């Protein structure tokens, strides 16, 4: 079995590490900070040009993009100071329907695998 990296799982782990670090700032500090930085770099690398991230769980694009945005907010990357976040927010708004649903109108993008 091979497990591939995926944006929503990576962002969940990074968010958990960030929360852990806030409670135990001295515990393996350098390793945790390096892991978070490498993870953030990965997330920026796999963002699609239209602003979304591809996910493997739930409602693929919406779900993954939501998790990544939560993670990037932990690093103070926001709509006002980060182009990637701005693009992601614009992507989500562009797919929102009046009834609150979004997944039925999202186009399919091939999943990008990084080895």
PDB file of N, CA and C in Angstrom:
ATOM      1  N   UNK A   1       0.835  -1.166   0.000  1.00  0.00           N
ATOM      2  CA  UNK A   1       0.000   0.000   0.000  1.00  0.00           C
ATOM      3  C   UNK A   1       0.889   1.240   0.000  1.00  0.00           C
ATOM      4  N   UNK A   2       0.513   2.204  -0.788  1.00  0.00           N
ATOM      5  CA  UNK A   2       1.243   3.463  -0.874  1.00  0.00           C
ATOM      6  C   UNK A   2       0.307   4.576  -0.423  1.00  0.00           C
ATOM      7  N   UNK A   3       0.790   5.436   0.414  1.00  0.00           N
ATOM      8  CA  UNK A   3       0.007   6.578   0.859  1.00  0.00           C
ATOM      9  C   UNK A   3       0.591   7.834   0.227  1.00  0.00           C
ATOM     10  N   UNK A   4      -0.237   8.553  -0.500  1.00  0.00           N
ATOM     11  CA  UNK A   4       0.189   9.771  -1.161  1.00  0.00           C
ATOM     12  C   UNK A   4      -0.106  10.972  -0.266  1.00  0.00           C
ATOM     13  N   UNK A   5       0.659  12.036  -0.451  1.00  0.00           N
ATOM     14  CA  UNK A   5       0.377  13.275   0.263  1.00  0.00           C
ATOM     15  C   UNK A   5      -0.920  13.861  -0.261  1.00  0.00           C
ATOM     16  N   UNK A   6      -1.683  14.438   0.618  1.00  0.00           N
ATOM     17  CA  UNK A   6      -2.902  15.122   0.181  1.00  0.00           C
ATOM     18  C   UNK A   6      -3.069  16.394   1.013  1.00  0.00           C
ATOM     19  N   UNK A   7      -3.618  17.392   0.384  1.00  0.00           N
ATOM     20  CA  UNK A   7      -3.653  18.720   0.994  1.00  0.00           C
ATOM     21  C   UNK A   7      -4.483  18.783   2.265  1.00  0.00           C
ATOM     22  N   UNK A   8      -5.640  18.113   2.301  1.00  0.00           N
ATOM     23  CA  UNK A   8      -6.455  18.247   3.505  1.00  0.00           C
ATOM     24  C   UNK A   8      -5.856  17.515   4.701  1.00  0.00           C
ATOM     25  N   UNK A   9      -5.204  16.388   4.465  1.00  0.00           N
ATOM     26  CA  UNK A   9      -4.549  15.679   5.575  1.00  0.00           C
ATOM     27  C   UNK A   9      -3.306  16.428   6.037  1.00  0.00           C
ATOM     28  N   UNK A  10      -2.522  16.933   5.084  1.00  0.00           N
ATOM     29  CA  UNK A  10      -1.337  17.717   5.437  1.00  0.00           C
ATOM     30  C   UNK A  10      -1.730  18.936   6.258  1.00  0.00           C
ATOM     31  N   UNK A  11      -2.752  19.658   5.803  1.00  0.00           N
ATOM     32  CA  UNK A  11      -3.152  20.867   6.533  1.00  0.00           C
ATOM     33  C   UNK A  11      -3.710  20.535   7.914  1.00  0.00           C
ATOM     34  N   UNK A  12      -4.401  19.417   8.054  1.00  0.00           N
ATOM     35  CA  UNK A  12      -4.905  19.011   9.373  1.00  0.00           C
ATOM     36  C   UNK A  12      -3.762  18.708  10.328  1.00  0.00           C
ATOM     37  N   UNK A  13      -2.751  18.023   9.845  1.00  0.00           N
ATOM     38  CA  UNK A  13      -1.586  17.715  10.684  1.00  0.00           C
ATOM     39  C   UNK A  13      -0.860  18.996  11.085  1.00  0.00           C
ATOM     40  N   UNK A  14      -0.681  19.895  10.126  1.00  0.00           N
ATOM     41  CA  UNK A  14       0.017  21.145  10.428  1.00  0.00           C
ATOM     42  C   UNK A  14      -0.749  21.989  11.438  1.00  0.00           C
ATOM     43  N   UNK A  15      -2.074  22.025  11.298  1.00  0.00           N
ATOM     44  CA  UNK A  15      -2.898  22.761  12.248  1.00  0.00           C
ATOM     45  C   UNK A  15      -2.772  22.149  13.641  1.00  0.00           C
ATOM     46  N   UNK A  16      -2.799  20.825  13.710  1.00  0.00           N
ATOM     47  CA  UNK A  16      -2.636  20.139  15.004  1.00  0.00           C
ATOM     48  C   UNK A  16      -1.267  20.432  15.610  1.00  0.00           C
ATOM     49  N   UNK A  17      -0.224  20.415  14.773  1.00  0.00           N
ATOM     50  CA  UNK A  17       1.114  20.737  15.281  1.00  0.00           C
ATOM     51  C   UNK A  17       1.176  22.170  15.799  1.00  0.00           C
ATOM     52  N   UNK A  18       0.528  23.092  15.090  1.00  0.00           N
ATOM     53  CA  UNK A  18       0.499  24.479  15.532  1.00  0.00           C
ATOM     54  C   UNK A  18      -0.204  24.635  16.875  1.00  0.00           C
ATOM     55  N   UNK A  19      -1.311  23.925  17.045  1.00  0.00           N
ATOM     56  CA  UNK A  19      -2.019  23.969  18.328  1.00  0.00           C
ATOM     57  C   UNK A  19      -1.182  23.334  19.430  1.00  0.00           C
ATOM     58  N   UNK A  20      -0.561  22.201  19.123  1.00  0.00           N
ATOM     59  CA  UNK A  20       0.294  21.532  20.097  1.00  0.00           C
ATOM     60  C   UNK A  20       1.416  22.466  20.540  1.00  0.00           C
ATOM     61  N   UNK A  21       2.019  23.141  19.555  1.00  0.00           N
ATOM     62  CA  UNK A  21       3.126  24.063  19.833  1.00  0.00           C
ATOM     63  C   UNK A  21       2.685  25.205  20.747  1.00  0.00           C
ATOM     64  N   UNK A  22       1.439  25.635  20.629  1.00  0.00           N
ATOM     65  CA  UNK A  22       0.961  26.717  21.490  1.00  0.00           C
ATOM     66  C   UNK A  22       0.831  26.275  22.948  1.00  0.00           C
ATOM     67  N   UNK A  23       0.604  24.981  23.180  1.00  0.00           N
ATOM     68  CA  UNK A  23       0.509  24.455  24.544  1.00  0.00           C
ATOM     69  C   UNK A  23       1.864  24.013  25.098  1.00  0.00           C
ATOM     70  N   UNK A  24       2.720  23.532  24.219  1.00  0.00           N
ATOM     71  CA  UNK A  24       4.030  23.018  24.640  1.00  0.00           C
ATOM     72  C   UNK A  24       5.118  23.630  23.745  1.00  0.00           C
ATOM     73  N   UNK A  25       5.374  24.919  23.879  1.00  0.00           N
ATOM     74  CA  UNK A  25       6.270  25.617  22.950  1.00  0.00           C
ATOM     75  C   UNK A  25       7.712  25.119  22.936  1.00  0.00           C
ATOM     76  N   UNK A  26       8.182  24.515  23.996  1.00  0.00           N
ATOM     77  CA  UNK A  26       9.580  24.072  24.040  1.00  0.00           C
ATOM     78  C   UNK A  26       9.772  22.644  23.526  1.00  0.00           C
ATOM     79  N   UNK A  27       8.717  21.860  23.476  1.00  0.00           N
ATOM     80  CA  UNK A  27       8.850  20.455  23.107  1.00  0.00           C
ATOM     81  C   UNK A  27       9.167  20.309  21.618  1.00  0.00           C
ATOM     82  N   UNK A  28      10.346  19.796  21.326  1.00  0.00           N
ATOM     83  CA  UNK A  28      10.811  19.533  19.960  1.00  0.00           C
ATOM     84  C   UNK A  28      10.511  20.710  19.019  1.00  0.00           C
ATOM     85  N   UNK A  29      10.763  21.891  19.557  1.00  0.00           N
ATOM     86  CA  UNK A  29      10.412  23.132  18.868  1.00  0.00           C
ATOM     87  C   UNK A  29      10.954  23.213  17.439  1.00  0.00           C
ATOM     88  N   UNK A  30      12.243  22.967  17.268  1.00  0.00           N
ATOM     89  CA  UNK A  30      12.850  23.093  15.937  1.00  0.00           C
ATOM     90  C   UNK A  30      12.246  22.103  14.945  1.00  0.00           C
ATOM     91  N   UNK A  31      12.039  20.871  15.389  1.00  0.00           N
ATOM     92  CA  UNK A  31      11.461  19.857  14.500  1.00  0.00           C
ATOM     93  C   UNK A  31      10.035  20.222  14.083  1.00  0.00           C
ATOM     94  N   UNK A  32       9.254  20.698  15.033  1.00  0.00           N
ATOM     95  CA  UNK A  32       7.870  21.063  14.741  1.00  0.00           C
ATOM     96  C   UNK A  32       7.821  22.264  13.812  1.00  0.00           C
ATOM     97  N   UNK A  33       8.631  23.276  14.081  1.00  0.00           N
ATOM     98  CA  UNK A  33       8.638  24.463  13.217  1.00  0.00           C
ATOM     99  C   UNK A  33       9.104  24.121  11.806  1.00  0.00           C
ATOM    100  N   UNK A  34      10.121  23.269  11.686  1.00  0.00           N
ATOM    101  CA  UNK A  34      10.592  22.851  10.359  1.00  0.00           C
ATOM    102  C   UNK A  34       9.517  22.061   9.617  1.00  0.00           C
ATOM    103  N   UNK A  35       8.846  21.190  10.323  1.00  0.00           N
ATOM    104  CA  UNK A  35       7.773  20.404   9.704  1.00  0.00           C
ATOM    105  C   UNK A  35       6.647  21.303   9.220  1.00  0.00           C
ATOM    106  N   UNK A  36       6.271  22.281  10.034  1.00  0.00           N
ATOM    107  CA  UNK A  36       5.215  23.211   9.633  1.00  0.00           C
ATOM    108  C   UNK A  36       5.641  23.997   8.400  1.00  0.00           C
ATOM    109  N   UNK A  37       6.865  24.496   8.389  1.00  0.00           N
ATOM    110  CA  UNK A  37       7.341  25.277   7.243  1.00  0.00           C
ATOM    111  C   UNK A  37       7.373  24.438   5.963  1.00  0.00           C
ATOM    112  N   UNK A  38       7.876  23.215   6.071  1.00  0.00           N
ATOM    113  CA  UNK A  38       7.911  22.328   4.892  1.00  0.00           C
ATOM    114  C   UNK A  38       6.502  22.001   4.420  1.00  0.00           C
ATOM    115  N   UNK A  39       5.594  21.801   5.350  1.00  0.00           N
ATOM    116  CA  UNK A  39       4.209  21.511   4.994  1.00  0.00           C
ATOM    117  C   UNK A  39       3.539  22.686   4.302  1.00  0.00           C
ATOM    118  N   UNK A  40       3.781  23.883   4.800  1.00  0.00           N
ATOM    119  CA  UNK A  40       3.221  25.089   4.175  1.00  0.00           C
ATOM    120  C   UNK A  40       3.771  25.249   2.757  1.00  0.00           C
ATOM    121  N   UNK A  41       5.055  24.998   2.574  1.00  0.00           N
ATOM    122  CA  UNK A  41       5.647  25.057   1.238  1.00  0.00           C
ATOM    123  C   UNK A  41       4.957  24.064   0.305  1.00  0.00           C
ATOM    124  N   UNK A  42       4.734  22.848   0.789  1.00  0.00           N
ATOM    125  CA  UNK A  42       4.033  21.836  -0.015  1.00  0.00           C
ATOM    126  C   UNK A  42       2.638  22.327  -0.402  1.00  0.00           C
ATOM    127  N   UNK A  43       1.906  22.879   0.558  1.00  0.00           N
ATOM    128  CA  UNK A  43       0.548  23.345   0.263  1.00  0.00           C
ATOM    129  C   UNK A  43       0.553  24.439  -0.798  1.00  0.00           C
ATOM    130  N   UNK A  44       1.500  25.358  -0.715  1.00  0.00           N
ATOM    131  CA  UNK A  44       1.580  26.405  -1.743  1.00  0.00           C
ATOM    132  C   UNK A  44       1.932  25.796  -3.099  1.00  0.00           C
ATOM    133  N   UNK A  45       2.765  24.797  -3.089  1.00  0.00           N
ATOM    134  CA  UNK A  45       3.206  24.169  -4.340  1.00  0.00           C
ATOM    135  C   UNK A  45       2.074  23.452  -5.067  1.00  0.00           C
ATOM    136  N   UNK A  46       1.143  22.850  -4.329  1.00  0.00           N
ATOM    137  CA  UNK A  46       0.103  22.035  -4.976  1.00  0.00           C
ATOM    138  C   UNK A  46      -1.211  22.779  -5.191  1.00  0.00           C
ATOM    139  N   UNK A  47      -1.239  24.068  -4.883  1.00  0.00           N
ATOM    140  CA  UNK A  47      -2.459  24.833  -5.154  1.00  0.00           C
ATOM    141  C   UNK A  47      -2.648  24.955  -6.659  1.00  0.00           C
ATOM    142  N   UNK A  48      -3.869  24.769  -7.113  1.00  0.00           N
ATOM    143  CA  UNK A  48      -4.162  24.895  -8.542  1.00  0.00           C
ATOM    144  C   UNK A  48      -4.241  26.369  -8.936  1.00  0.00           C
ATOM    145  N   UNK A  49      -4.000  26.670 -10.202  1.00  0.00           N
ATOM    146  CA  UNK A  49      -4.000  28.067 -10.648  1.00  0.00           C
ATOM    147  C   UNK A  49      -5.305  28.814 -10.369  1.00  0.00           C
ATOM    148  N   UNK A  50      -6.424  28.090 -10.322  1.00  0.00           N
ATOM    149  CA  UNK A  50      -7.706  28.759 -10.054  1.00  0.00           C
ATOM    150  C   UNK A  50      -7.930  29.019  -8.566  1.00  0.00           C
ATOM    151  N   UNK A  51      -7.007  28.587  -7.703  1.00  0.00           N
ATOM    152  CA  UNK A  51      -7.090  28.878  -6.281  1.00  0.00           C
ATOM    153  C   UNK A  51      -7.473  27.713  -5.398  1.00  0.00           C
ATOM    154  N   UNK A  52      -7.935  26.603  -5.975  1.00  0.00           N
ATOM    155  CA  UNK A  52      -8.373  25.481  -5.140  1.00  0.00           C
ATOM    156  C   UNK A  52      -7.230  24.516  -4.840  1.00  0.00           C
ATOM    157  N   UNK A  53      -7.509  23.642  -3.908  1.00  0.00           N
ATOM    158  CA  UNK A  53      -6.643  22.500  -3.638  1.00  0.00           C
ATOM    159  C   UNK A  53      -7.461  21.250  -3.889  1.00  0.00           C
ATOM    160  N   UNK A  54      -6.829  20.210  -4.388  1.00  0.00           N
ATOM    161  CA  UNK A  54      -7.507  18.942  -4.621  1.00  0.00           C
ATOM    162  C   UNK A  54      -7.475  18.141  -3.338  1.00  0.00           C
ATOM    163  N   UNK A  55      -8.602  17.577  -2.997  1.00  0.00           N
ATOM    164  CA  UNK A  55      -8.679  16.745  -1.811  1.00  0.00           C
ATOM    165  C   UNK A  55      -8.994  15.306  -2.166  1.00  0.00           C
ATOM    166  N   UNK A  56      -8.816  14.445  -1.206  1.00  0.00           N
ATOM    167  CA  UNK A  56      -9.110  13.027  -1.396  1.00  0.00           C
ATOM    168  C   UNK A  56     -10.304  12.571  -0.583  1.00  0.00           C
ATOM    169  N   UNK A  57     -10.840  13.421   0.266  1.00  0.00           N
ATOM    170  CA  UNK A  57     -11.937  13.061   1.149  1.00  0.00           C
ATOM    171  C   UNK A  57     -13.054  14.083   1.003  1.00  0.00           C
ATOM    172  N   UNK A  58     -14.212  13.706   1.391  1.00  0.00           N
ATOM    173  CA  UNK A  58     -15.333  14.640   1.432  1.00  0.00           C
ATOM    174  C   UNK A  58     -15.642  15.218   0.074  1.00  0.00           C
ATOM    175  N   UNK A  59     -16.033  16.467   0.052  1.00  0.00           N
ATOM    176  CA  UNK A  59     -16.343  17.178  -1.181  1.00  0.00           C
ATOM    177  C   UNK A  59     -15.034  17.772  -1.659  1.00  0.00           C
ATOM    178  N   UNK A  60     -14.396  17.054  -2.521  1.00  0.00           N
ATOM    179  CA  UNK A  60     -13.002  17.199  -2.916  1.00  0.00           C
ATOM    180  C   UNK A  60     -12.429  18.612  -2.841  1.00  0.00           C
ATOM    181  N   UNK A  61     -12.836  19.507  -3.702  1.00  0.00           N
ATOM    182  CA  UNK A  61     -12.187  20.810  -3.797  1.00  0.00           C
ATOM    183  C   UNK A  61     -12.580  21.744  -2.656  1.00  0.00           C
ATOM    184  N   UNK A  62     -13.853  21.765  -2.311  1.00  0.00           N
ATOM    185  CA  UNK A  62     -14.321  22.623  -1.235  1.00  0.00           C
ATOM    186  C   UNK A  62     -13.708  22.207   0.092  1.00  0.00           C
ATOM    187  N   UNK A  63     -13.726  20.926   0.357  1.00  0.00           N
ATOM    188  CA  UNK A  63     -13.218  20.369   1.614  1.00  0.00           C
ATOM    189  C   UNK A  63     -11.728  20.640   1.773  1.00  0.00           C
ATOM    190  N   UNK A  64     -10.975  20.321   0.747  1.00  0.00           N
ATOM    191  CA  UNK A  64      -9.525  20.516   0.812  1.00  0.00           C
ATOM    192  C   UNK A  64      -9.175  21.994   0.962  1.00  0.00           C
ATOM    193  N   UNK A  65      -9.834  22.845   0.198  1.00  0.00           N
ATOM    194  CA  UNK A  65      -9.543  24.273   0.254  1.00  0.00           C
ATOM    195  C   UNK A  65      -9.873  24.841   1.630  1.00  0.00           C
ATOM    196  N   UNK A  66     -10.976  24.387   2.233  1.00  0.00           N
ATOM    197  CA  UNK A  66     -11.346  24.836   3.574  1.00  0.00           C
ATOM    198  C   UNK A  66     -10.266  24.458   4.587  1.00  0.00           C
ATOM    199  N   UNK A  67      -9.786  23.219   4.524  1.00  0.00           N
ATOM    200  CA  UNK A  67      -8.766  22.775   5.471  1.00  0.00           C
ATOM    201  C   UNK A  67      -7.463  23.538   5.277  1.00  0.00           C
ATOM    202  N   UNK A  68      -7.073  23.760   4.041  1.00  0.00           N
ATOM    203  CA  UNK A  68      -5.821  24.482   3.788  1.00  0.00           C
ATOM    204  C   UNK A  68      -5.929  25.926   4.268  1.00  0.00           C
ATOM    205  N   UNK A  69      -7.064  26.567   4.009  1.00  0.00           N
ATOM    206  CA  UNK A  69      -7.223  27.950   4.467  1.00  0.00           C
ATOM    207  C   UNK A  69      -7.152  28.049   5.986  1.00  0.00           C
ATOM    208  N   UNK A  70      -7.716  27.089   6.678  1.00  0.00           N
ATOM    209  CA  UNK A  70      -7.629  27.067   8.138  1.00  0.00           C
ATOM    210  C   UNK A  70      -6.169  26.957   8.582  1.00  0.00           C
ATOM    211  N   UNK A  71      -5.425  26.118   7.906  1.00  0.00           N
ATOM    212  CA  UNK A  71      -4.011  25.928   8.220  1.00  0.00           C
ATOM    213  C   UNK A  71      -3.200  27.194   7.931  1.00  0.00           C
ATOM    214  N   UNK A  72      -3.425  27.800   6.772  1.00  0.00           N
ATOM    215  CA  UNK A  72      -2.672  29.001   6.417  1.00  0.00           C
ATOM    216  C   UNK A  72      -2.991  30.163   7.358  1.00  0.00           C
ATOM    217  N   UNK A  73      -4.216  30.210   7.865  1.00  0.00           N
ATOM    218  CA  UNK A  73      -4.577  31.249   8.831  1.00  0.00           C
ATOM    219  C   UNK A  73      -3.735  31.122  10.097  1.00  0.00           C
ATOM    220  N   UNK A  74      -3.385  29.892  10.445  1.00  0.00           N
ATOM    221  CA  UNK A  74      -2.523  29.654  11.600  1.00  0.00           C
ATOM    222  C   UNK A  74      -1.174  30.360  11.414  1.00  0.00           C
ATOM    223  N   UNK A  75      -0.722  30.473  10.181  1.00  0.00           N
ATOM    224  CA  UNK A  75       0.546  31.147   9.877  1.00  0.00           C
ATOM    225  C   UNK A  75       0.321  32.617   9.499  1.00  0.00           C
ATOM    226  N   UNK A  76      -0.876  33.123   9.812  1.00  0.00           N
ATOM    227  CA  UNK A  76      -1.265  34.503   9.541  1.00  0.00           C
ATOM    228  C   UNK A  76      -1.249  34.841   8.053  1.00  0.00           C
ATOM    229  N   UNK A  77      -1.544  33.860   7.216  1.00  0.00           N
ATOM    230  CA  UNK A  77      -1.709  34.101   5.789  1.00  0.00           C
ATOM    231  C   UNK A  77      -3.202  34.301   5.558  1.00  0.00           C
ATOM    232  N   UNK A  78      -3.582  35.515   5.181  1.00  0.00           N
ATOM    233  CA  UNK A  78      -4.990  35.872   5.058  1.00  0.00           C
ATOM    234  C   UNK A  78      -5.299  36.443   3.684  1.00  0.00           C
ATOM    235  N   UNK A  79      -6.569  36.673   3.448  1.00  0.00           N
ATOM    236  CA  UNK A  79      -7.041  37.262   2.191  1.00  0.00           C
ATOM    237  C   UNK A  79      -6.362  38.604   1.937  1.00  0.00           C
ATOM    238  N   UNK A  80      -6.106  39.342   2.978  1.00  0.00           N
ATOM    239  CA  UNK A  80      -5.550  40.686   2.837  1.00  0.00           C
ATOM    240  C   UNK A  80      -4.048  40.721   2.607  1.00  0.00           C
ATOM    241  N   UNK A  81      -3.328  39.630   2.951  1.00  0.00           N
ATOM    242  CA  UNK A  81      -1.862  39.699   2.838  1.00  0.00           C
ATOM    243  C   UNK A  81      -1.241  38.561   2.041  1.00  0.00           C
ATOM    244  N   UNK A  82      -2.066  37.702   1.419  1.00  0.00           N
ATOM    245  CA  UNK A  82      -1.501  36.544   0.732  1.00  0.00           C
ATOM    246  C   UNK A  82      -2.288  36.235  -0.532  1.00  0.00           C
ATOM    247  N   UNK A  83      -1.605  36.223  -1.653  1.00  0.00           N
ATOM    248  CA  UNK A  83      -2.262  35.996  -2.939  1.00  0.00           C
ATOM    249  C   UNK A  83      -2.886  34.608  -3.042  1.00  0.00           C
ATOM    250  N   UNK A  84      -2.228  33.598  -2.496  1.00  0.00           N
ATOM    251  CA  UNK A  84      -2.771  32.234  -2.543  1.00  0.00           C
ATOM    252  C   UNK A  84      -4.091  32.146  -1.792  1.00  0.00           C
ATOM    253  N   UNK A  85      -4.171  32.788  -0.647  1.00  0.00           N
ATOM    254  CA  UNK A  85      -5.402  32.779   0.147  1.00  0.00           C
ATOM    255  C   UNK A  85      -6.489  33.569  -0.573  1.00  0.00           C
ATOM    256  N   UNK A  86      -6.129  34.687  -1.149  1.00  0.00           N
ATOM    257  CA  UNK A  86      -7.100  35.483  -1.906  1.00  0.00           C
ATOM    258  C   UNK A  86      -7.687  34.664  -3.056  1.00  0.00           C
ATOM    259  N   UNK A  87      -6.826  33.968  -3.796  1.00  0.00           N
ATOM    260  CA  UNK A  87      -7.302  33.134  -4.903  1.00  0.00           C
ATOM    261  C   UNK A  87      -8.216  32.016  -4.406  1.00  0.00           C
ATOM    262  N   UNK A  88      -7.859  31.411  -3.282  1.00  0.00           N
ATOM    263  CA  UNK A  88      -8.668  30.319  -2.729  1.00  0.00           C
ATOM    264  C   UNK A  88     -10.045  30.829  -2.301  1.00  0.00           C
ATOM    265  N   UNK A  89     -10.086  31.966  -1.631  1.00  0.00           N
ATOM    266  CA  UNK A  89     -11.372  32.531  -1.208  1.00  0.00           C
ATOM    267  C   UNK A  89     -12.230  32.882  -2.421  1.00  0.00           C
ATOM    268  N   UNK A  90     -11.620  33.457  -3.429  1.00  0.00           N
ATOM    269  CA  UNK A  90     -12.358  33.789  -4.650  1.00  0.00           C
ATOM    270  C   UNK A  90     -12.876  32.530  -5.334  1.00  0.00           C
ATOM    271  N   UNK A  91     -12.096  31.448  -5.304  1.00  0.00           N
ATOM    272  CA  UNK A  91     -12.551  30.185  -5.863  1.00  0.00           C
ATOM    273  C   UNK A  91     -13.803  29.699  -5.129  1.00  0.00           C
ATOM    274  N   UNK A  92     -13.749  29.685  -3.804  1.00  0.00           N
ATOM    275  CA  UNK A  92     -14.900  29.202  -3.033  1.00  0.00           C
ATOM    276  C   UNK A  92     -16.139  30.044  -3.287  1.00  0.00           C
ATOM    277  N   UNK A  93     -15.992  31.351  -3.295  1.00  0.00           N
ATOM    278  CA  UNK A  93     -17.134  32.233  -3.540  1.00  0.00           C
ATOM    279  C   UNK A  93     -17.685  32.007  -4.946  1.00  0.00           C
ATOM    280  N   UNK A  94     -16.816  31.774  -5.911  1.00  0.00           N
ATOM    281  CA  UNK A  94     -17.278  31.582  -7.295  1.00  0.00           C
ATOM    282  C   UNK A  94     -18.080  30.303  -7.484  1.00  0.00           C
ATOM    283  N   UNK A  95     -17.922  29.335  -6.588  1.00  0.00           N
ATOM    284  CA  UNK A  95     -18.631  28.065  -6.696  1.00  0.00           C
ATOM    285  C   UNK A  95     -19.873  27.989  -5.819  1.00  0.00           C
ATOM    286  N   UNK A  96     -20.064  28.977  -4.964  1.00  0.00           N
ATOM    287  CA  UNK A  96     -21.197  28.951  -4.042  1.00  0.00           C
ATOM    288  C   UNK A  96     -22.503  29.166  -4.794  1.00  0.00           C
ATOM    289  N   UNK A  97     -23.478  28.340  -4.498  1.00  0.00           N
ATOM    290  CA  UNK A  97     -24.803  28.468  -5.100  1.00  0.00           C
ATOM    291  C   UNK A  97     -25.755  29.097  -4.091  1.00  0.00           C
ATOM    292  N   UNK A  98     -26.859  29.648  -4.573  1.00  0.00           N
ATOM    293  CA  UNK A  98     -27.816  30.279  -3.652  1.00  0.00           C
ATOM    294  C   UNK A  98     -28.351  29.334  -2.568  1.00  0.00           C
ATOM    295  N   UNK A  99     -28.411  28.035  -2.865  1.00  0.00           N
ATOM    296  CA  UNK A  99     -28.939  27.086  -1.871  1.00  0.00           C
ATOM    297  C   UNK A  99     -27.874  26.622  -0.881  1.00  0.00           C
ATOM    298  N   UNK A 100     -26.663  27.162  -0.990  1.00  0.00           N
ATOM    299  CA  UNK A 100     -25.602  26.820  -0.063  1.00  0.00           C
ATOM    300  C   UNK A 100     -24.690  25.711  -0.541  1.00  0.00           C
ATOM    301  N   UNK A 101     -25.084  24.993  -1.564  1.00  0.00           N
ATOM    302  CA  UNK A 101     -24.257  23.904  -2.089  1.00  0.00           C
ATOM    303  C   UNK A 101     -23.207  24.456  -3.040  1.00  0.00           C
ATOM    304  N   UNK A 102     -22.104  23.710  -3.181  1.00  0.00           N
ATOM    305  CA  UNK A 102     -21.073  24.158  -4.114  1.00  0.00           C
ATOM    306  C   UNK A 102     -20.475  23.012  -4.911  1.00  0.00           C
ATOM    307  N   UNK A 103     -20.513  21.804  -4.401  1.00  0.00           N
ATOM    308  CA  UNK A 103     -19.759  20.719  -5.005  1.00  0.00           C
ATOM    309  C   UNK A 103     -20.278  20.293  -6.364  1.00  0.00           C
ATOM    310  N   UNK A 104     -21.539  20.516  -6.669  1.00  0.00           N
ATOM    311  CA  UNK A 104     -22.104  20.031  -7.935  1.00  0.00           C
ATOM    312  C   UNK A 104     -21.640  20.849  -9.139  1.00  0.00           C
ATOM    313  N   UNK A 105     -21.068  22.011  -8.922  1.00  0.00           N
ATOM    314  CA  UNK A 105     -20.676  22.866 -10.035  1.00  0.00           C
ATOM    315  C   UNK A 105     -19.172  22.962 -10.208  1.00  0.00           C
ATOM    316  N   UNK A 106     -18.418  22.238  -9.420  1.00  0.00           N
ATOM    317  CA  UNK A 106     -16.961  22.315  -9.504  1.00  0.00           C
ATOM    318  C   UNK A 106     -16.463  21.391 -10.608  1.00  0.00           C
ATOM    319  N   UNK A 107     -15.597  21.927 -11.426  1.00  0.00           N
ATOM    320  CA  UNK A 107     -15.016  21.140 -12.507  1.00  0.00           C
ATOM    321  C   UNK A 107     -14.050  20.104 -11.961  1.00  0.00           C
ATOM    322  N   UNK A 108     -13.806  19.074 -12.739  1.00  0.00           N
ATOM    323  CA  UNK A 108     -12.853  18.037 -12.333  1.00  0.00           C
ATOM    324  C   UNK A 108     -11.452  18.441 -12.765  1.00  0.00           C
ATOM    325  N   UNK A 109     -10.516  18.309 -11.849  1.00  0.00           N
ATOM    326  CA  UNK A 109      -9.108  18.541 -12.151  1.00  0.00           C
ATOM    327  C   UNK A 109      -8.350  17.266 -11.841  1.00  0.00           C
ATOM    328  N   UNK A 110      -7.353  16.915 -12.648  1.00  0.00           N
ATOM    329  CA  UNK A 110      -6.575  15.715 -12.321  1.00  0.00           C
ATOM    330  C   UNK A 110      -5.819  15.893 -11.011  1.00  0.00           C
ATOM    331  N   UNK A 111      -5.767  14.860 -10.230  1.00  0.00           N
ATOM    332  CA  UNK A 111      -5.074  14.905  -8.955  1.00  0.00           C
ATOM    333  C   UNK A 111      -3.579  14.929  -9.213  1.00  0.00           C
ATOM    334  N   UNK A 112      -2.895  15.869  -8.599  1.00  0.00           N
ATOM    335  CA  UNK A 112      -1.440  15.992  -8.755  1.00  0.00           C
ATOM    336  C   UNK A 112      -0.783  15.208  -7.642  1.00  0.00           C
ATOM    337  N   UNK A 113      -0.002  14.227  -8.010  1.00  0.00           N
ATOM    338  CA  UNK A 113       0.708  13.414  -7.025  1.00  0.00           C
ATOM    339  C   UNK A 113       2.174  13.829  -6.990  1.00  0.00           C
ATOM    340  N   UNK A 114       2.683  14.017  -5.786  1.00  0.00           N
ATOM    341  CA  UNK A 114       4.098  14.347  -5.624  1.00  0.00           C
ATOM    342  C   UNK A 114       4.776  13.191  -4.924  1.00  0.00           C
ATOM    343  N   UNK A 115       5.835  12.705  -5.485  1.00  0.00           N
ATOM    344  CA  UNK A 115       6.564  11.582  -4.896  1.00  0.00           C
ATOM    345  C   UNK A 115       7.858  12.057  -4.305  1.00  0.00           C
TER     346      UNK A 115
END
